[in-house]
């Protein structure tokens, strides 16, 4: 069974670069990767916040948030 991984971002250059690196790094046979652009889909902001995301880009794997660099504070996207 694959582990769900969700990559949240806001479309900024830092986020896009991180998205490309994460997509290459995660083994598709082990992880089901979903990309969520919070700048385009604000309905997912509460979900990201509940998962522990404080800023984007961020990767959530197995319910644990990993913050990558710093592109935008989640509050700025609301």
PDB file of N, CA and C in Angstrom:
ATOM      1  N   UNK A   1       0.839  -1.184   0.000  1.00  0.00           N
ATOM      2  CA  UNK A   1       0.000   0.000   0.000  1.00  0.00           C
ATOM      3  C   UNK A   1       0.885   1.248   0.000  1.00  0.00           C
ATOM      4  N   UNK A   2       0.522   2.210  -0.833  1.00  0.00           N
ATOM      5  CA  UNK A   2       1.298   3.440  -0.943  1.00  0.00           C
ATOM      6  C   UNK A   2       0.951   4.401   0.196  1.00  0.00           C
ATOM      7  N   UNK A   3       1.941   5.170   0.601  1.00  0.00           N
ATOM      8  CA  UNK A   3       1.750   6.220   1.593  1.00  0.00           C
ATOM      9  C   UNK A   3       1.340   7.490   0.870  1.00  0.00           C
ATOM     10  N   UNK A   4       0.327   8.167   1.395  1.00  0.00           N
ATOM     11  CA  UNK A   4      -0.141   9.419   0.787  1.00  0.00           C
ATOM     12  C   UNK A   4       0.801  10.549   1.172  1.00  0.00           C
ATOM     13  N   UNK A   5       1.177  11.328   0.185  1.00  0.00           N
ATOM     14  CA  UNK A   5       2.007  12.517   0.378  1.00  0.00           C
ATOM     15  C   UNK A   5       1.296  13.676  -0.307  1.00  0.00           C
ATOM     16  N   UNK A   6       1.170  14.798   0.404  1.00  0.00           N
ATOM     17  CA  UNK A   6       0.512  15.973  -0.171  1.00  0.00           C
ATOM     18  C   UNK A   6       1.509  17.121  -0.135  1.00  0.00           C
ATOM     19  N   UNK A   7       1.754  17.701  -1.289  1.00  0.00           N
ATOM     20  CA  UNK A   7       2.652  18.842  -1.405  1.00  0.00           C
ATOM     21  C   UNK A   7       1.799  20.085  -1.592  1.00  0.00           C
ATOM     22  N   UNK A   8       1.877  20.998  -0.619  1.00  0.00           N
ATOM     23  CA  UNK A   8       1.129  22.254  -0.665  1.00  0.00           C
ATOM     24  C   UNK A   8       2.059  23.369  -1.107  1.00  0.00           C
ATOM     25  N   UNK A   9       1.559  24.217  -2.020  1.00  0.00           N
ATOM     26  CA  UNK A   9       2.365  25.360  -2.449  1.00  0.00           C
ATOM     27  C   UNK A   9       1.467  26.487  -2.913  1.00  0.00           C
ATOM     28  N   UNK A  10       2.074  27.633  -3.226  1.00  0.00           N
ATOM     29  CA  UNK A  10       1.306  28.809  -3.627  1.00  0.00           C
ATOM     30  C   UNK A  10       1.678  29.304  -5.013  1.00  0.00           C
ATOM     31  N   UNK A  11       2.510  28.575  -5.719  1.00  0.00           N
ATOM     32  CA  UNK A  11       2.844  28.936  -7.085  1.00  0.00           C
ATOM     33  C   UNK A  11       4.041  29.846  -7.253  1.00  0.00           C
ATOM     34  N   UNK A  12       4.663  30.268  -6.155  1.00  0.00           N
ATOM     35  CA  UNK A  12       5.831  31.146  -6.255  1.00  0.00           C
ATOM     36  C   UNK A  12       7.029  30.356  -6.808  1.00  0.00           C
ATOM     37  N   UNK A  13       8.078  31.029  -7.271  1.00  0.00           N
ATOM     38  CA  UNK A  13       9.238  30.320  -7.821  1.00  0.00           C
ATOM     39  C   UNK A  13       9.870  29.329  -6.838  1.00  0.00           C
ATOM     40  N   UNK A  14       9.934  29.685  -5.561  1.00  0.00           N
ATOM     41  CA  UNK A  14      10.474  28.763  -4.550  1.00  0.00           C
ATOM     42  C   UNK A  14       9.622  27.502  -4.494  1.00  0.00           C
ATOM     43  N   UNK A  15       8.302  27.695  -4.515  1.00  0.00           N
ATOM     44  CA  UNK A  15       7.377  26.562  -4.438  1.00  0.00           C
ATOM     45  C   UNK A  15       7.472  25.656  -5.663  1.00  0.00           C
ATOM     46  N   UNK A  16       7.537  26.260  -6.825  1.00  0.00           N
ATOM     47  CA  UNK A  16       7.596  25.481  -8.069  1.00  0.00           C
ATOM     48  C   UNK A  16       8.880  24.657  -8.115  1.00  0.00           C
ATOM     49  N   UNK A  17       9.982  25.251  -7.718  1.00  0.00           N
ATOM     50  CA  UNK A  17      11.249  24.528  -7.679  1.00  0.00           C
ATOM     51  C   UNK A  17      11.182  23.363  -6.689  1.00  0.00           C
ATOM     52  N   UNK A  18      10.616  23.620  -5.518  1.00  0.00           N
ATOM     53  CA  UNK A  18      10.480  22.558  -4.515  1.00  0.00           C
ATOM     54  C   UNK A  18       9.560  21.454  -5.017  1.00  0.00           C
ATOM     55  N   UNK A  19       8.476  21.827  -5.692  1.00  0.00           N
ATOM     56  CA  UNK A  19       7.553  20.822  -6.248  1.00  0.00           C
ATOM     57  C   UNK A  19       8.278  19.891  -7.207  1.00  0.00           C
ATOM     58  N   UNK A  20       9.074  20.456  -8.095  1.00  0.00           N
ATOM     59  CA  UNK A  20       9.814  19.647  -9.061  1.00  0.00           C
ATOM     60  C   UNK A  20      10.778  18.694  -8.356  1.00  0.00           C
ATOM     61  N   UNK A  21      11.468  19.176  -7.332  1.00  0.00           N
ATOM     62  CA  UNK A  21      12.413  18.342  -6.598  1.00  0.00           C
ATOM     63  C   UNK A  21      11.716  17.240  -5.814  1.00  0.00           C
ATOM     64  N   UNK A  22      10.597  17.569  -5.176  1.00  0.00           N
ATOM     65  CA  UNK A  22       9.848  16.570  -4.415  1.00  0.00           C
ATOM     66  C   UNK A  22       9.304  15.496  -5.347  1.00  0.00           C
ATOM     67  N   UNK A  23       8.748  15.907  -6.470  1.00  0.00           N
ATOM     68  CA  UNK A  23       8.187  14.950  -7.429  1.00  0.00           C
ATOM     69  C   UNK A  23       9.256  13.979  -7.940  1.00  0.00           C
ATOM     70  N   UNK A  24      10.469  14.483  -8.129  1.00  0.00           N
ATOM     71  CA  UNK A  24      11.569  13.605  -8.580  1.00  0.00           C
ATOM     72  C   UNK A  24      12.076  12.704  -7.455  1.00  0.00           C
ATOM     73  N   UNK A  25      12.048  13.211  -6.222  1.00  0.00           N
ATOM     74  CA  UNK A  25      12.657  12.484  -5.104  1.00  0.00           C
ATOM     75  C   UNK A  25      11.792  11.362  -4.543  1.00  0.00           C
ATOM     76  N   UNK A  26      10.467  11.541  -4.583  1.00  0.00           N
ATOM     77  CA  UNK A  26       9.599  10.519  -3.999  1.00  0.00           C
ATOM     78  C   UNK A  26       9.423   9.345  -4.953  1.00  0.00           C
ATOM     79  N   UNK A  27       9.625   8.173  -4.431  1.00  0.00           N
ATOM     80  CA  UNK A  27       9.487   6.940  -5.205  1.00  0.00           C
ATOM     81  C   UNK A  27       7.999   6.679  -5.463  1.00  0.00           C
ATOM     82  N   UNK A  28       7.558   6.730  -6.714  1.00  0.00           N
ATOM     83  CA  UNK A  28       6.134   6.547  -7.012  1.00  0.00           C
ATOM     84  C   UNK A  28       5.597   5.160  -6.664  1.00  0.00           C
ATOM     85  N   UNK A  29       6.462   4.191  -6.478  1.00  0.00           N
ATOM     86  CA  UNK A  29       5.992   2.868  -6.072  1.00  0.00           C
ATOM     87  C   UNK A  29       5.683   2.831  -4.570  1.00  0.00           C
ATOM     88  N   UNK A  30       6.168   3.835  -3.832  1.00  0.00           N
ATOM     89  CA  UNK A  30       5.956   3.894  -2.378  1.00  0.00           C
ATOM     90  C   UNK A  30       5.021   5.017  -1.949  1.00  0.00           C
ATOM     91  N   UNK A  31       4.947   6.089  -2.753  1.00  0.00           N
ATOM     92  CA  UNK A  31       4.181   7.270  -2.363  1.00  0.00           C
ATOM     93  C   UNK A  31       3.184   7.679  -3.440  1.00  0.00           C
ATOM     94  N   UNK A  32       1.986   8.025  -2.997  1.00  0.00           N
ATOM     95  CA  UNK A  32       0.972   8.608  -3.865  1.00  0.00           C
ATOM     96  C   UNK A  32       1.029  10.114  -3.612  1.00  0.00           C
ATOM     97  N   UNK A  33       1.573  10.860  -4.560  1.00  0.00           N
ATOM     98  CA  UNK A  33       1.799  12.290  -4.393  1.00  0.00           C
ATOM     99  C   UNK A  33       0.646  13.097  -4.980  1.00  0.00           C
ATOM    100  N   UNK A  34       0.096  13.993  -4.155  1.00  0.00           N
ATOM    101  CA  UNK A  34      -0.912  14.936  -4.605  1.00  0.00           C
ATOM    102  C   UNK A  34      -0.320  16.338  -4.477  1.00  0.00           C
ATOM    103  N   UNK A  35      -0.453  17.127  -5.515  1.00  0.00           N
ATOM    104  CA  UNK A  35       0.025  18.511  -5.528  1.00  0.00           C
ATOM    105  C   UNK A  35      -1.182  19.422  -5.328  1.00  0.00           C
ATOM    106  N   UNK A  36      -1.097  20.320  -4.328  1.00  0.00           N
ATOM    107  CA  UNK A  36      -2.190  21.246  -4.044  1.00  0.00           C
ATOM    108  C   UNK A  36      -1.656  22.673  -4.132  1.00  0.00           C
ATOM    109  N   UNK A  37      -2.173  23.426  -5.086  1.00  0.00           N
ATOM    110  CA  UNK A  37      -1.799  24.832  -5.282  1.00  0.00           C
ATOM    111  C   UNK A  37      -2.796  25.665  -4.482  1.00  0.00           C
ATOM    112  N   UNK A  38      -2.390  26.107  -3.297  1.00  0.00           N
ATOM    113  CA  UNK A  38      -3.295  26.828  -2.406  1.00  0.00           C
ATOM    114  C   UNK A  38      -3.665  28.216  -2.921  1.00  0.00           C
ATOM    115  N   UNK A  39      -2.858  28.759  -3.812  1.00  0.00           N
ATOM    116  CA  UNK A  39      -3.209  30.033  -4.416  1.00  0.00           C
ATOM    117  C   UNK A  39      -4.402  29.906  -5.348  1.00  0.00           C
ATOM    118  N   UNK A  40      -4.588  28.724  -5.914  1.00  0.00           N
ATOM    119  CA  UNK A  40      -5.701  28.472  -6.838  1.00  0.00           C
ATOM    120  C   UNK A  40      -6.860  27.750  -6.166  1.00  0.00           C
ATOM    121  N   UNK A  41      -6.592  27.013  -5.097  1.00  0.00           N
ATOM    122  CA  UNK A  41      -7.625  26.227  -4.419  1.00  0.00           C
ATOM    123  C   UNK A  41      -7.651  26.570  -2.933  1.00  0.00           C
ATOM    124  N   UNK A  42      -8.194  27.736  -2.624  1.00  0.00           N
ATOM    125  CA  UNK A  42      -8.238  28.213  -1.238  1.00  0.00           C
ATOM    126  C   UNK A  42      -9.132  27.353  -0.352  1.00  0.00           C
ATOM    127  N   UNK A  43      -9.985  26.534  -0.945  1.00  0.00           N
ATOM    128  CA  UNK A  43     -10.845  25.652  -0.153  1.00  0.00           C
ATOM    129  C   UNK A  43     -10.034  24.602   0.608  1.00  0.00           C
ATOM    130  N   UNK A  44      -8.780  24.421   0.238  1.00  0.00           N
ATOM    131  CA  UNK A  44      -7.920  23.423   0.898  1.00  0.00           C
ATOM    132  C   UNK A  44      -7.050  24.027   1.997  1.00  0.00           C
ATOM    133  N   UNK A  45      -7.172  25.344   2.240  1.00  0.00           N
ATOM    134  CA  UNK A  45      -6.358  26.003   3.272  1.00  0.00           C
ATOM    135  C   UNK A  45      -6.588  25.409   4.653  1.00  0.00           C
ATOM    136  N   UNK A  46      -7.827  25.183   5.037  1.00  0.00           N
ATOM    137  CA  UNK A  46      -8.138  24.623   6.360  1.00  0.00           C
ATOM    138  C   UNK A  46      -7.536  23.229   6.512  1.00  0.00           C
ATOM    139  N   UNK A  47      -7.591  22.457   5.458  1.00  0.00           N
ATOM    140  CA  UNK A  47      -7.002  21.110   5.458  1.00  0.00           C
ATOM    141  C   UNK A  47      -5.492  21.186   5.695  1.00  0.00           C
ATOM    142  N   UNK A  48      -4.833  22.102   4.981  1.00  0.00           N
ATOM    143  CA  UNK A  48      -3.386  22.270   5.139  1.00  0.00           C
ATOM    144  C   UNK A  48      -3.048  22.698   6.559  1.00  0.00           C
ATOM    145  N   UNK A  49      -3.807  23.647   7.071  1.00  0.00           N
ATOM    146  CA  UNK A  49      -3.577  24.136   8.435  1.00  0.00           C
ATOM    147  C   UNK A  49      -3.774  23.019   9.459  1.00  0.00           C
ATOM    148  N   UNK A  50      -4.818  22.221   9.282  1.00  0.00           N
ATOM    149  CA  UNK A  50      -5.089  21.099  10.191  1.00  0.00           C
ATOM    150  C   UNK A  50      -3.978  20.062  10.146  1.00  0.00           C
ATOM    151  N   UNK A  51      -3.299  19.959   8.999  1.00  0.00           N
ATOM    152  CA  UNK A  51      -2.191  19.004   8.852  1.00  0.00           C
ATOM    153  C   UNK A  51      -0.888  19.538   9.455  1.00  0.00           C
ATOM    154  N   UNK A  52      -0.910  20.789   9.940  1.00  0.00           N
ATOM    155  CA  UNK A  52       0.281  21.352  10.564  1.00  0.00           C
ATOM    156  C   UNK A  52       1.104  22.258   9.677  1.00  0.00           C
ATOM    157  N   UNK A  53       0.584  22.553   8.487  1.00  0.00           N
ATOM    158  CA  UNK A  53       1.315  23.425   7.562  1.00  0.00           C
ATOM    159  C   UNK A  53       1.242  24.857   8.075  1.00  0.00           C
ATOM    160  N   UNK A  54       2.394  25.502   8.209  1.00  0.00           N
ATOM    161  CA  UNK A  54       2.483  26.894   8.667  1.00  0.00           C
ATOM    162  C   UNK A  54       2.889  27.826   7.525  1.00  0.00           C
ATOM    163  N   UNK A  55       3.652  27.276   6.583  1.00  0.00           N
ATOM    164  CA  UNK A  55       4.106  28.040   5.429  1.00  0.00           C
ATOM    165  C   UNK A  55       4.266  27.076   4.262  1.00  0.00           C
ATOM    166  N   UNK A  56       4.287  27.665   3.085  1.00  0.00           N
ATOM    167  CA  UNK A  56       4.488  26.845   1.895  1.00  0.00           C
ATOM    168  C   UNK A  56       5.780  27.268   1.214  1.00  0.00           C
ATOM    169  N   UNK A  57       6.446  26.370   0.566  1.00  0.00           N
ATOM    170  CA  UNK A  57       6.052  25.005   0.265  1.00  0.00           C
ATOM    171  C   UNK A  57       6.196  24.082   1.476  1.00  0.00           C
ATOM    172  N   UNK A  58       5.318  23.092   1.528  1.00  0.00           N
ATOM    173  CA  UNK A  58       5.348  22.106   2.603  1.00  0.00           C
ATOM    174  C   UNK A  58       4.880  20.755   2.060  1.00  0.00           C
ATOM    175  N   UNK A  59       5.428  19.718   2.623  1.00  0.00           N
ATOM    176  CA  UNK A  59       5.085  18.351   2.242  1.00  0.00           C
ATOM    177  C   UNK A  59       4.535  17.656   3.476  1.00  0.00           C
ATOM    178  N   UNK A  60       3.372  17.048   3.346  1.00  0.00           N
ATOM    179  CA  UNK A  60       2.780  16.288   4.443  1.00  0.00           C
ATOM    180  C   UNK A  60       2.806  14.816   4.064  1.00  0.00           C
ATOM    181  N   UNK A  61       3.495  14.038   4.877  1.00  0.00           N
ATOM    182  CA  UNK A  61       3.592  12.584   4.661  1.00  0.00           C
ATOM    183  C   UNK A  61       3.167  11.900   5.948  1.00  0.00           C
ATOM    184  N   UNK A  62       2.213  11.001   5.831  1.00  0.00           N
ATOM    185  CA  UNK A  62       1.774  10.256   7.001  1.00  0.00           C
ATOM    186  C   UNK A  62       1.316  11.153   8.140  1.00  0.00           C
ATOM    187  N   UNK A  63       0.711  12.280   7.803  1.00  0.00           N
ATOM    188  CA  UNK A  63       0.198  13.188   8.820  1.00  0.00           C
ATOM    189  C   UNK A  63       1.224  14.112   9.443  1.00  0.00           C
ATOM    190  N   UNK A  64       2.451  14.067   8.982  1.00  0.00           N
ATOM    191  CA  UNK A  64       3.502  14.935   9.511  1.00  0.00           C
ATOM    192  C   UNK A  64       3.907  15.960   8.463  1.00  0.00           C
ATOM    193  N   UNK A  65       3.908  17.239   8.862  1.00  0.00           N
ATOM    194  CA  UNK A  65       4.257  18.324   7.941  1.00  0.00           C
ATOM    195  C   UNK A  65       5.755  18.586   7.944  1.00  0.00           C
ATOM    196  N   UNK A  66       6.307  18.712   6.756  1.00  0.00           N
ATOM    197  CA  UNK A  66       7.717  19.062   6.569  1.00  0.00           C
ATOM    198  C   UNK A  66       7.757  20.359   5.773  1.00  0.00           C
ATOM    199  N   UNK A  67       8.316  21.386   6.378  1.00  0.00           N
ATOM    200  CA  UNK A  67       8.386  22.690   5.716  1.00  0.00           C
ATOM    201  C   UNK A  67       9.681  22.787   4.929  1.00  0.00           C
ATOM    202  N   UNK A  68       9.547  23.235   3.691  1.00  0.00           N
ATOM    203  CA  UNK A  68      10.673  23.303   2.766  1.00  0.00           C
ATOM    204  C   UNK A  68      10.925  24.768   2.456  1.00  0.00           C
ATOM    205  N   UNK A  69      12.081  25.287   2.846  1.00  0.00           N
ATOM    206  CA  UNK A  69      12.415  26.678   2.584  1.00  0.00           C
ATOM    207  C   UNK A  69      11.312  27.565   3.149  1.00  0.00           C
ATOM    208  N   UNK A  70      11.089  28.726   2.587  1.00  0.00           N
ATOM    209  CA  UNK A  70       9.992  29.595   3.034  1.00  0.00           C
ATOM    210  C   UNK A  70       9.555  30.441   1.861  1.00  0.00           C
ATOM    211  N   UNK A  71       8.387  30.130   1.334  1.00  0.00           N
ATOM    212  CA  UNK A  71       7.854  30.875   0.214  1.00  0.00           C
ATOM    213  C   UNK A  71       6.804  31.863   0.661  1.00  0.00           C
ATOM    214  N   UNK A  72       5.823  31.404   1.455  1.00  0.00           N
ATOM    215  CA  UNK A  72       4.741  32.254   1.937  1.00  0.00           C
ATOM    216  C   UNK A  72       4.145  31.671   3.206  1.00  0.00           C
ATOM    217  N   UNK A  73       3.830  32.547   4.123  1.00  0.00           N
ATOM    218  CA  UNK A  73       3.112  32.157   5.346  1.00  0.00           C
ATOM    219  C   UNK A  73       1.707  31.762   4.953  1.00  0.00           C
ATOM    220  N   UNK A  74       1.191  30.698   5.565  1.00  0.00           N
ATOM    221  CA  UNK A  74      -0.146  30.226   5.242  1.00  0.00           C
ATOM    222  C   UNK A  74      -1.192  31.306   5.478  1.00  0.00           C
ATOM    223  N   UNK A  75      -1.004  32.113   6.499  1.00  0.00           N
ATOM    224  CA  UNK A  75      -1.958  33.188   6.810  1.00  0.00           C
ATOM    225  C   UNK A  75      -2.057  34.207   5.671  1.00  0.00           C
ATOM    226  N   UNK A  76      -0.984  34.409   4.944  1.00  0.00           N
ATOM    227  CA  UNK A  76      -0.974  35.370   3.830  1.00  0.00           C
ATOM    228  C   UNK A  76      -1.831  34.889   2.660  1.00  0.00           C
ATOM    229  N   UNK A  77      -2.122  33.602   2.604  1.00  0.00           N
ATOM    230  CA  UNK A  77      -2.910  33.043   1.513  1.00  0.00           C
ATOM    231  C   UNK A  77      -4.407  33.115   1.765  1.00  0.00           C
ATOM    232  N   UNK A  78      -4.775  33.424   2.998  1.00  0.00           N
ATOM    233  CA  UNK A  78      -6.215  33.476   3.346  1.00  0.00           C
ATOM    234  C   UNK A  78      -6.883  34.708   2.798  1.00  0.00           C
TER     235      UNK A  78
END
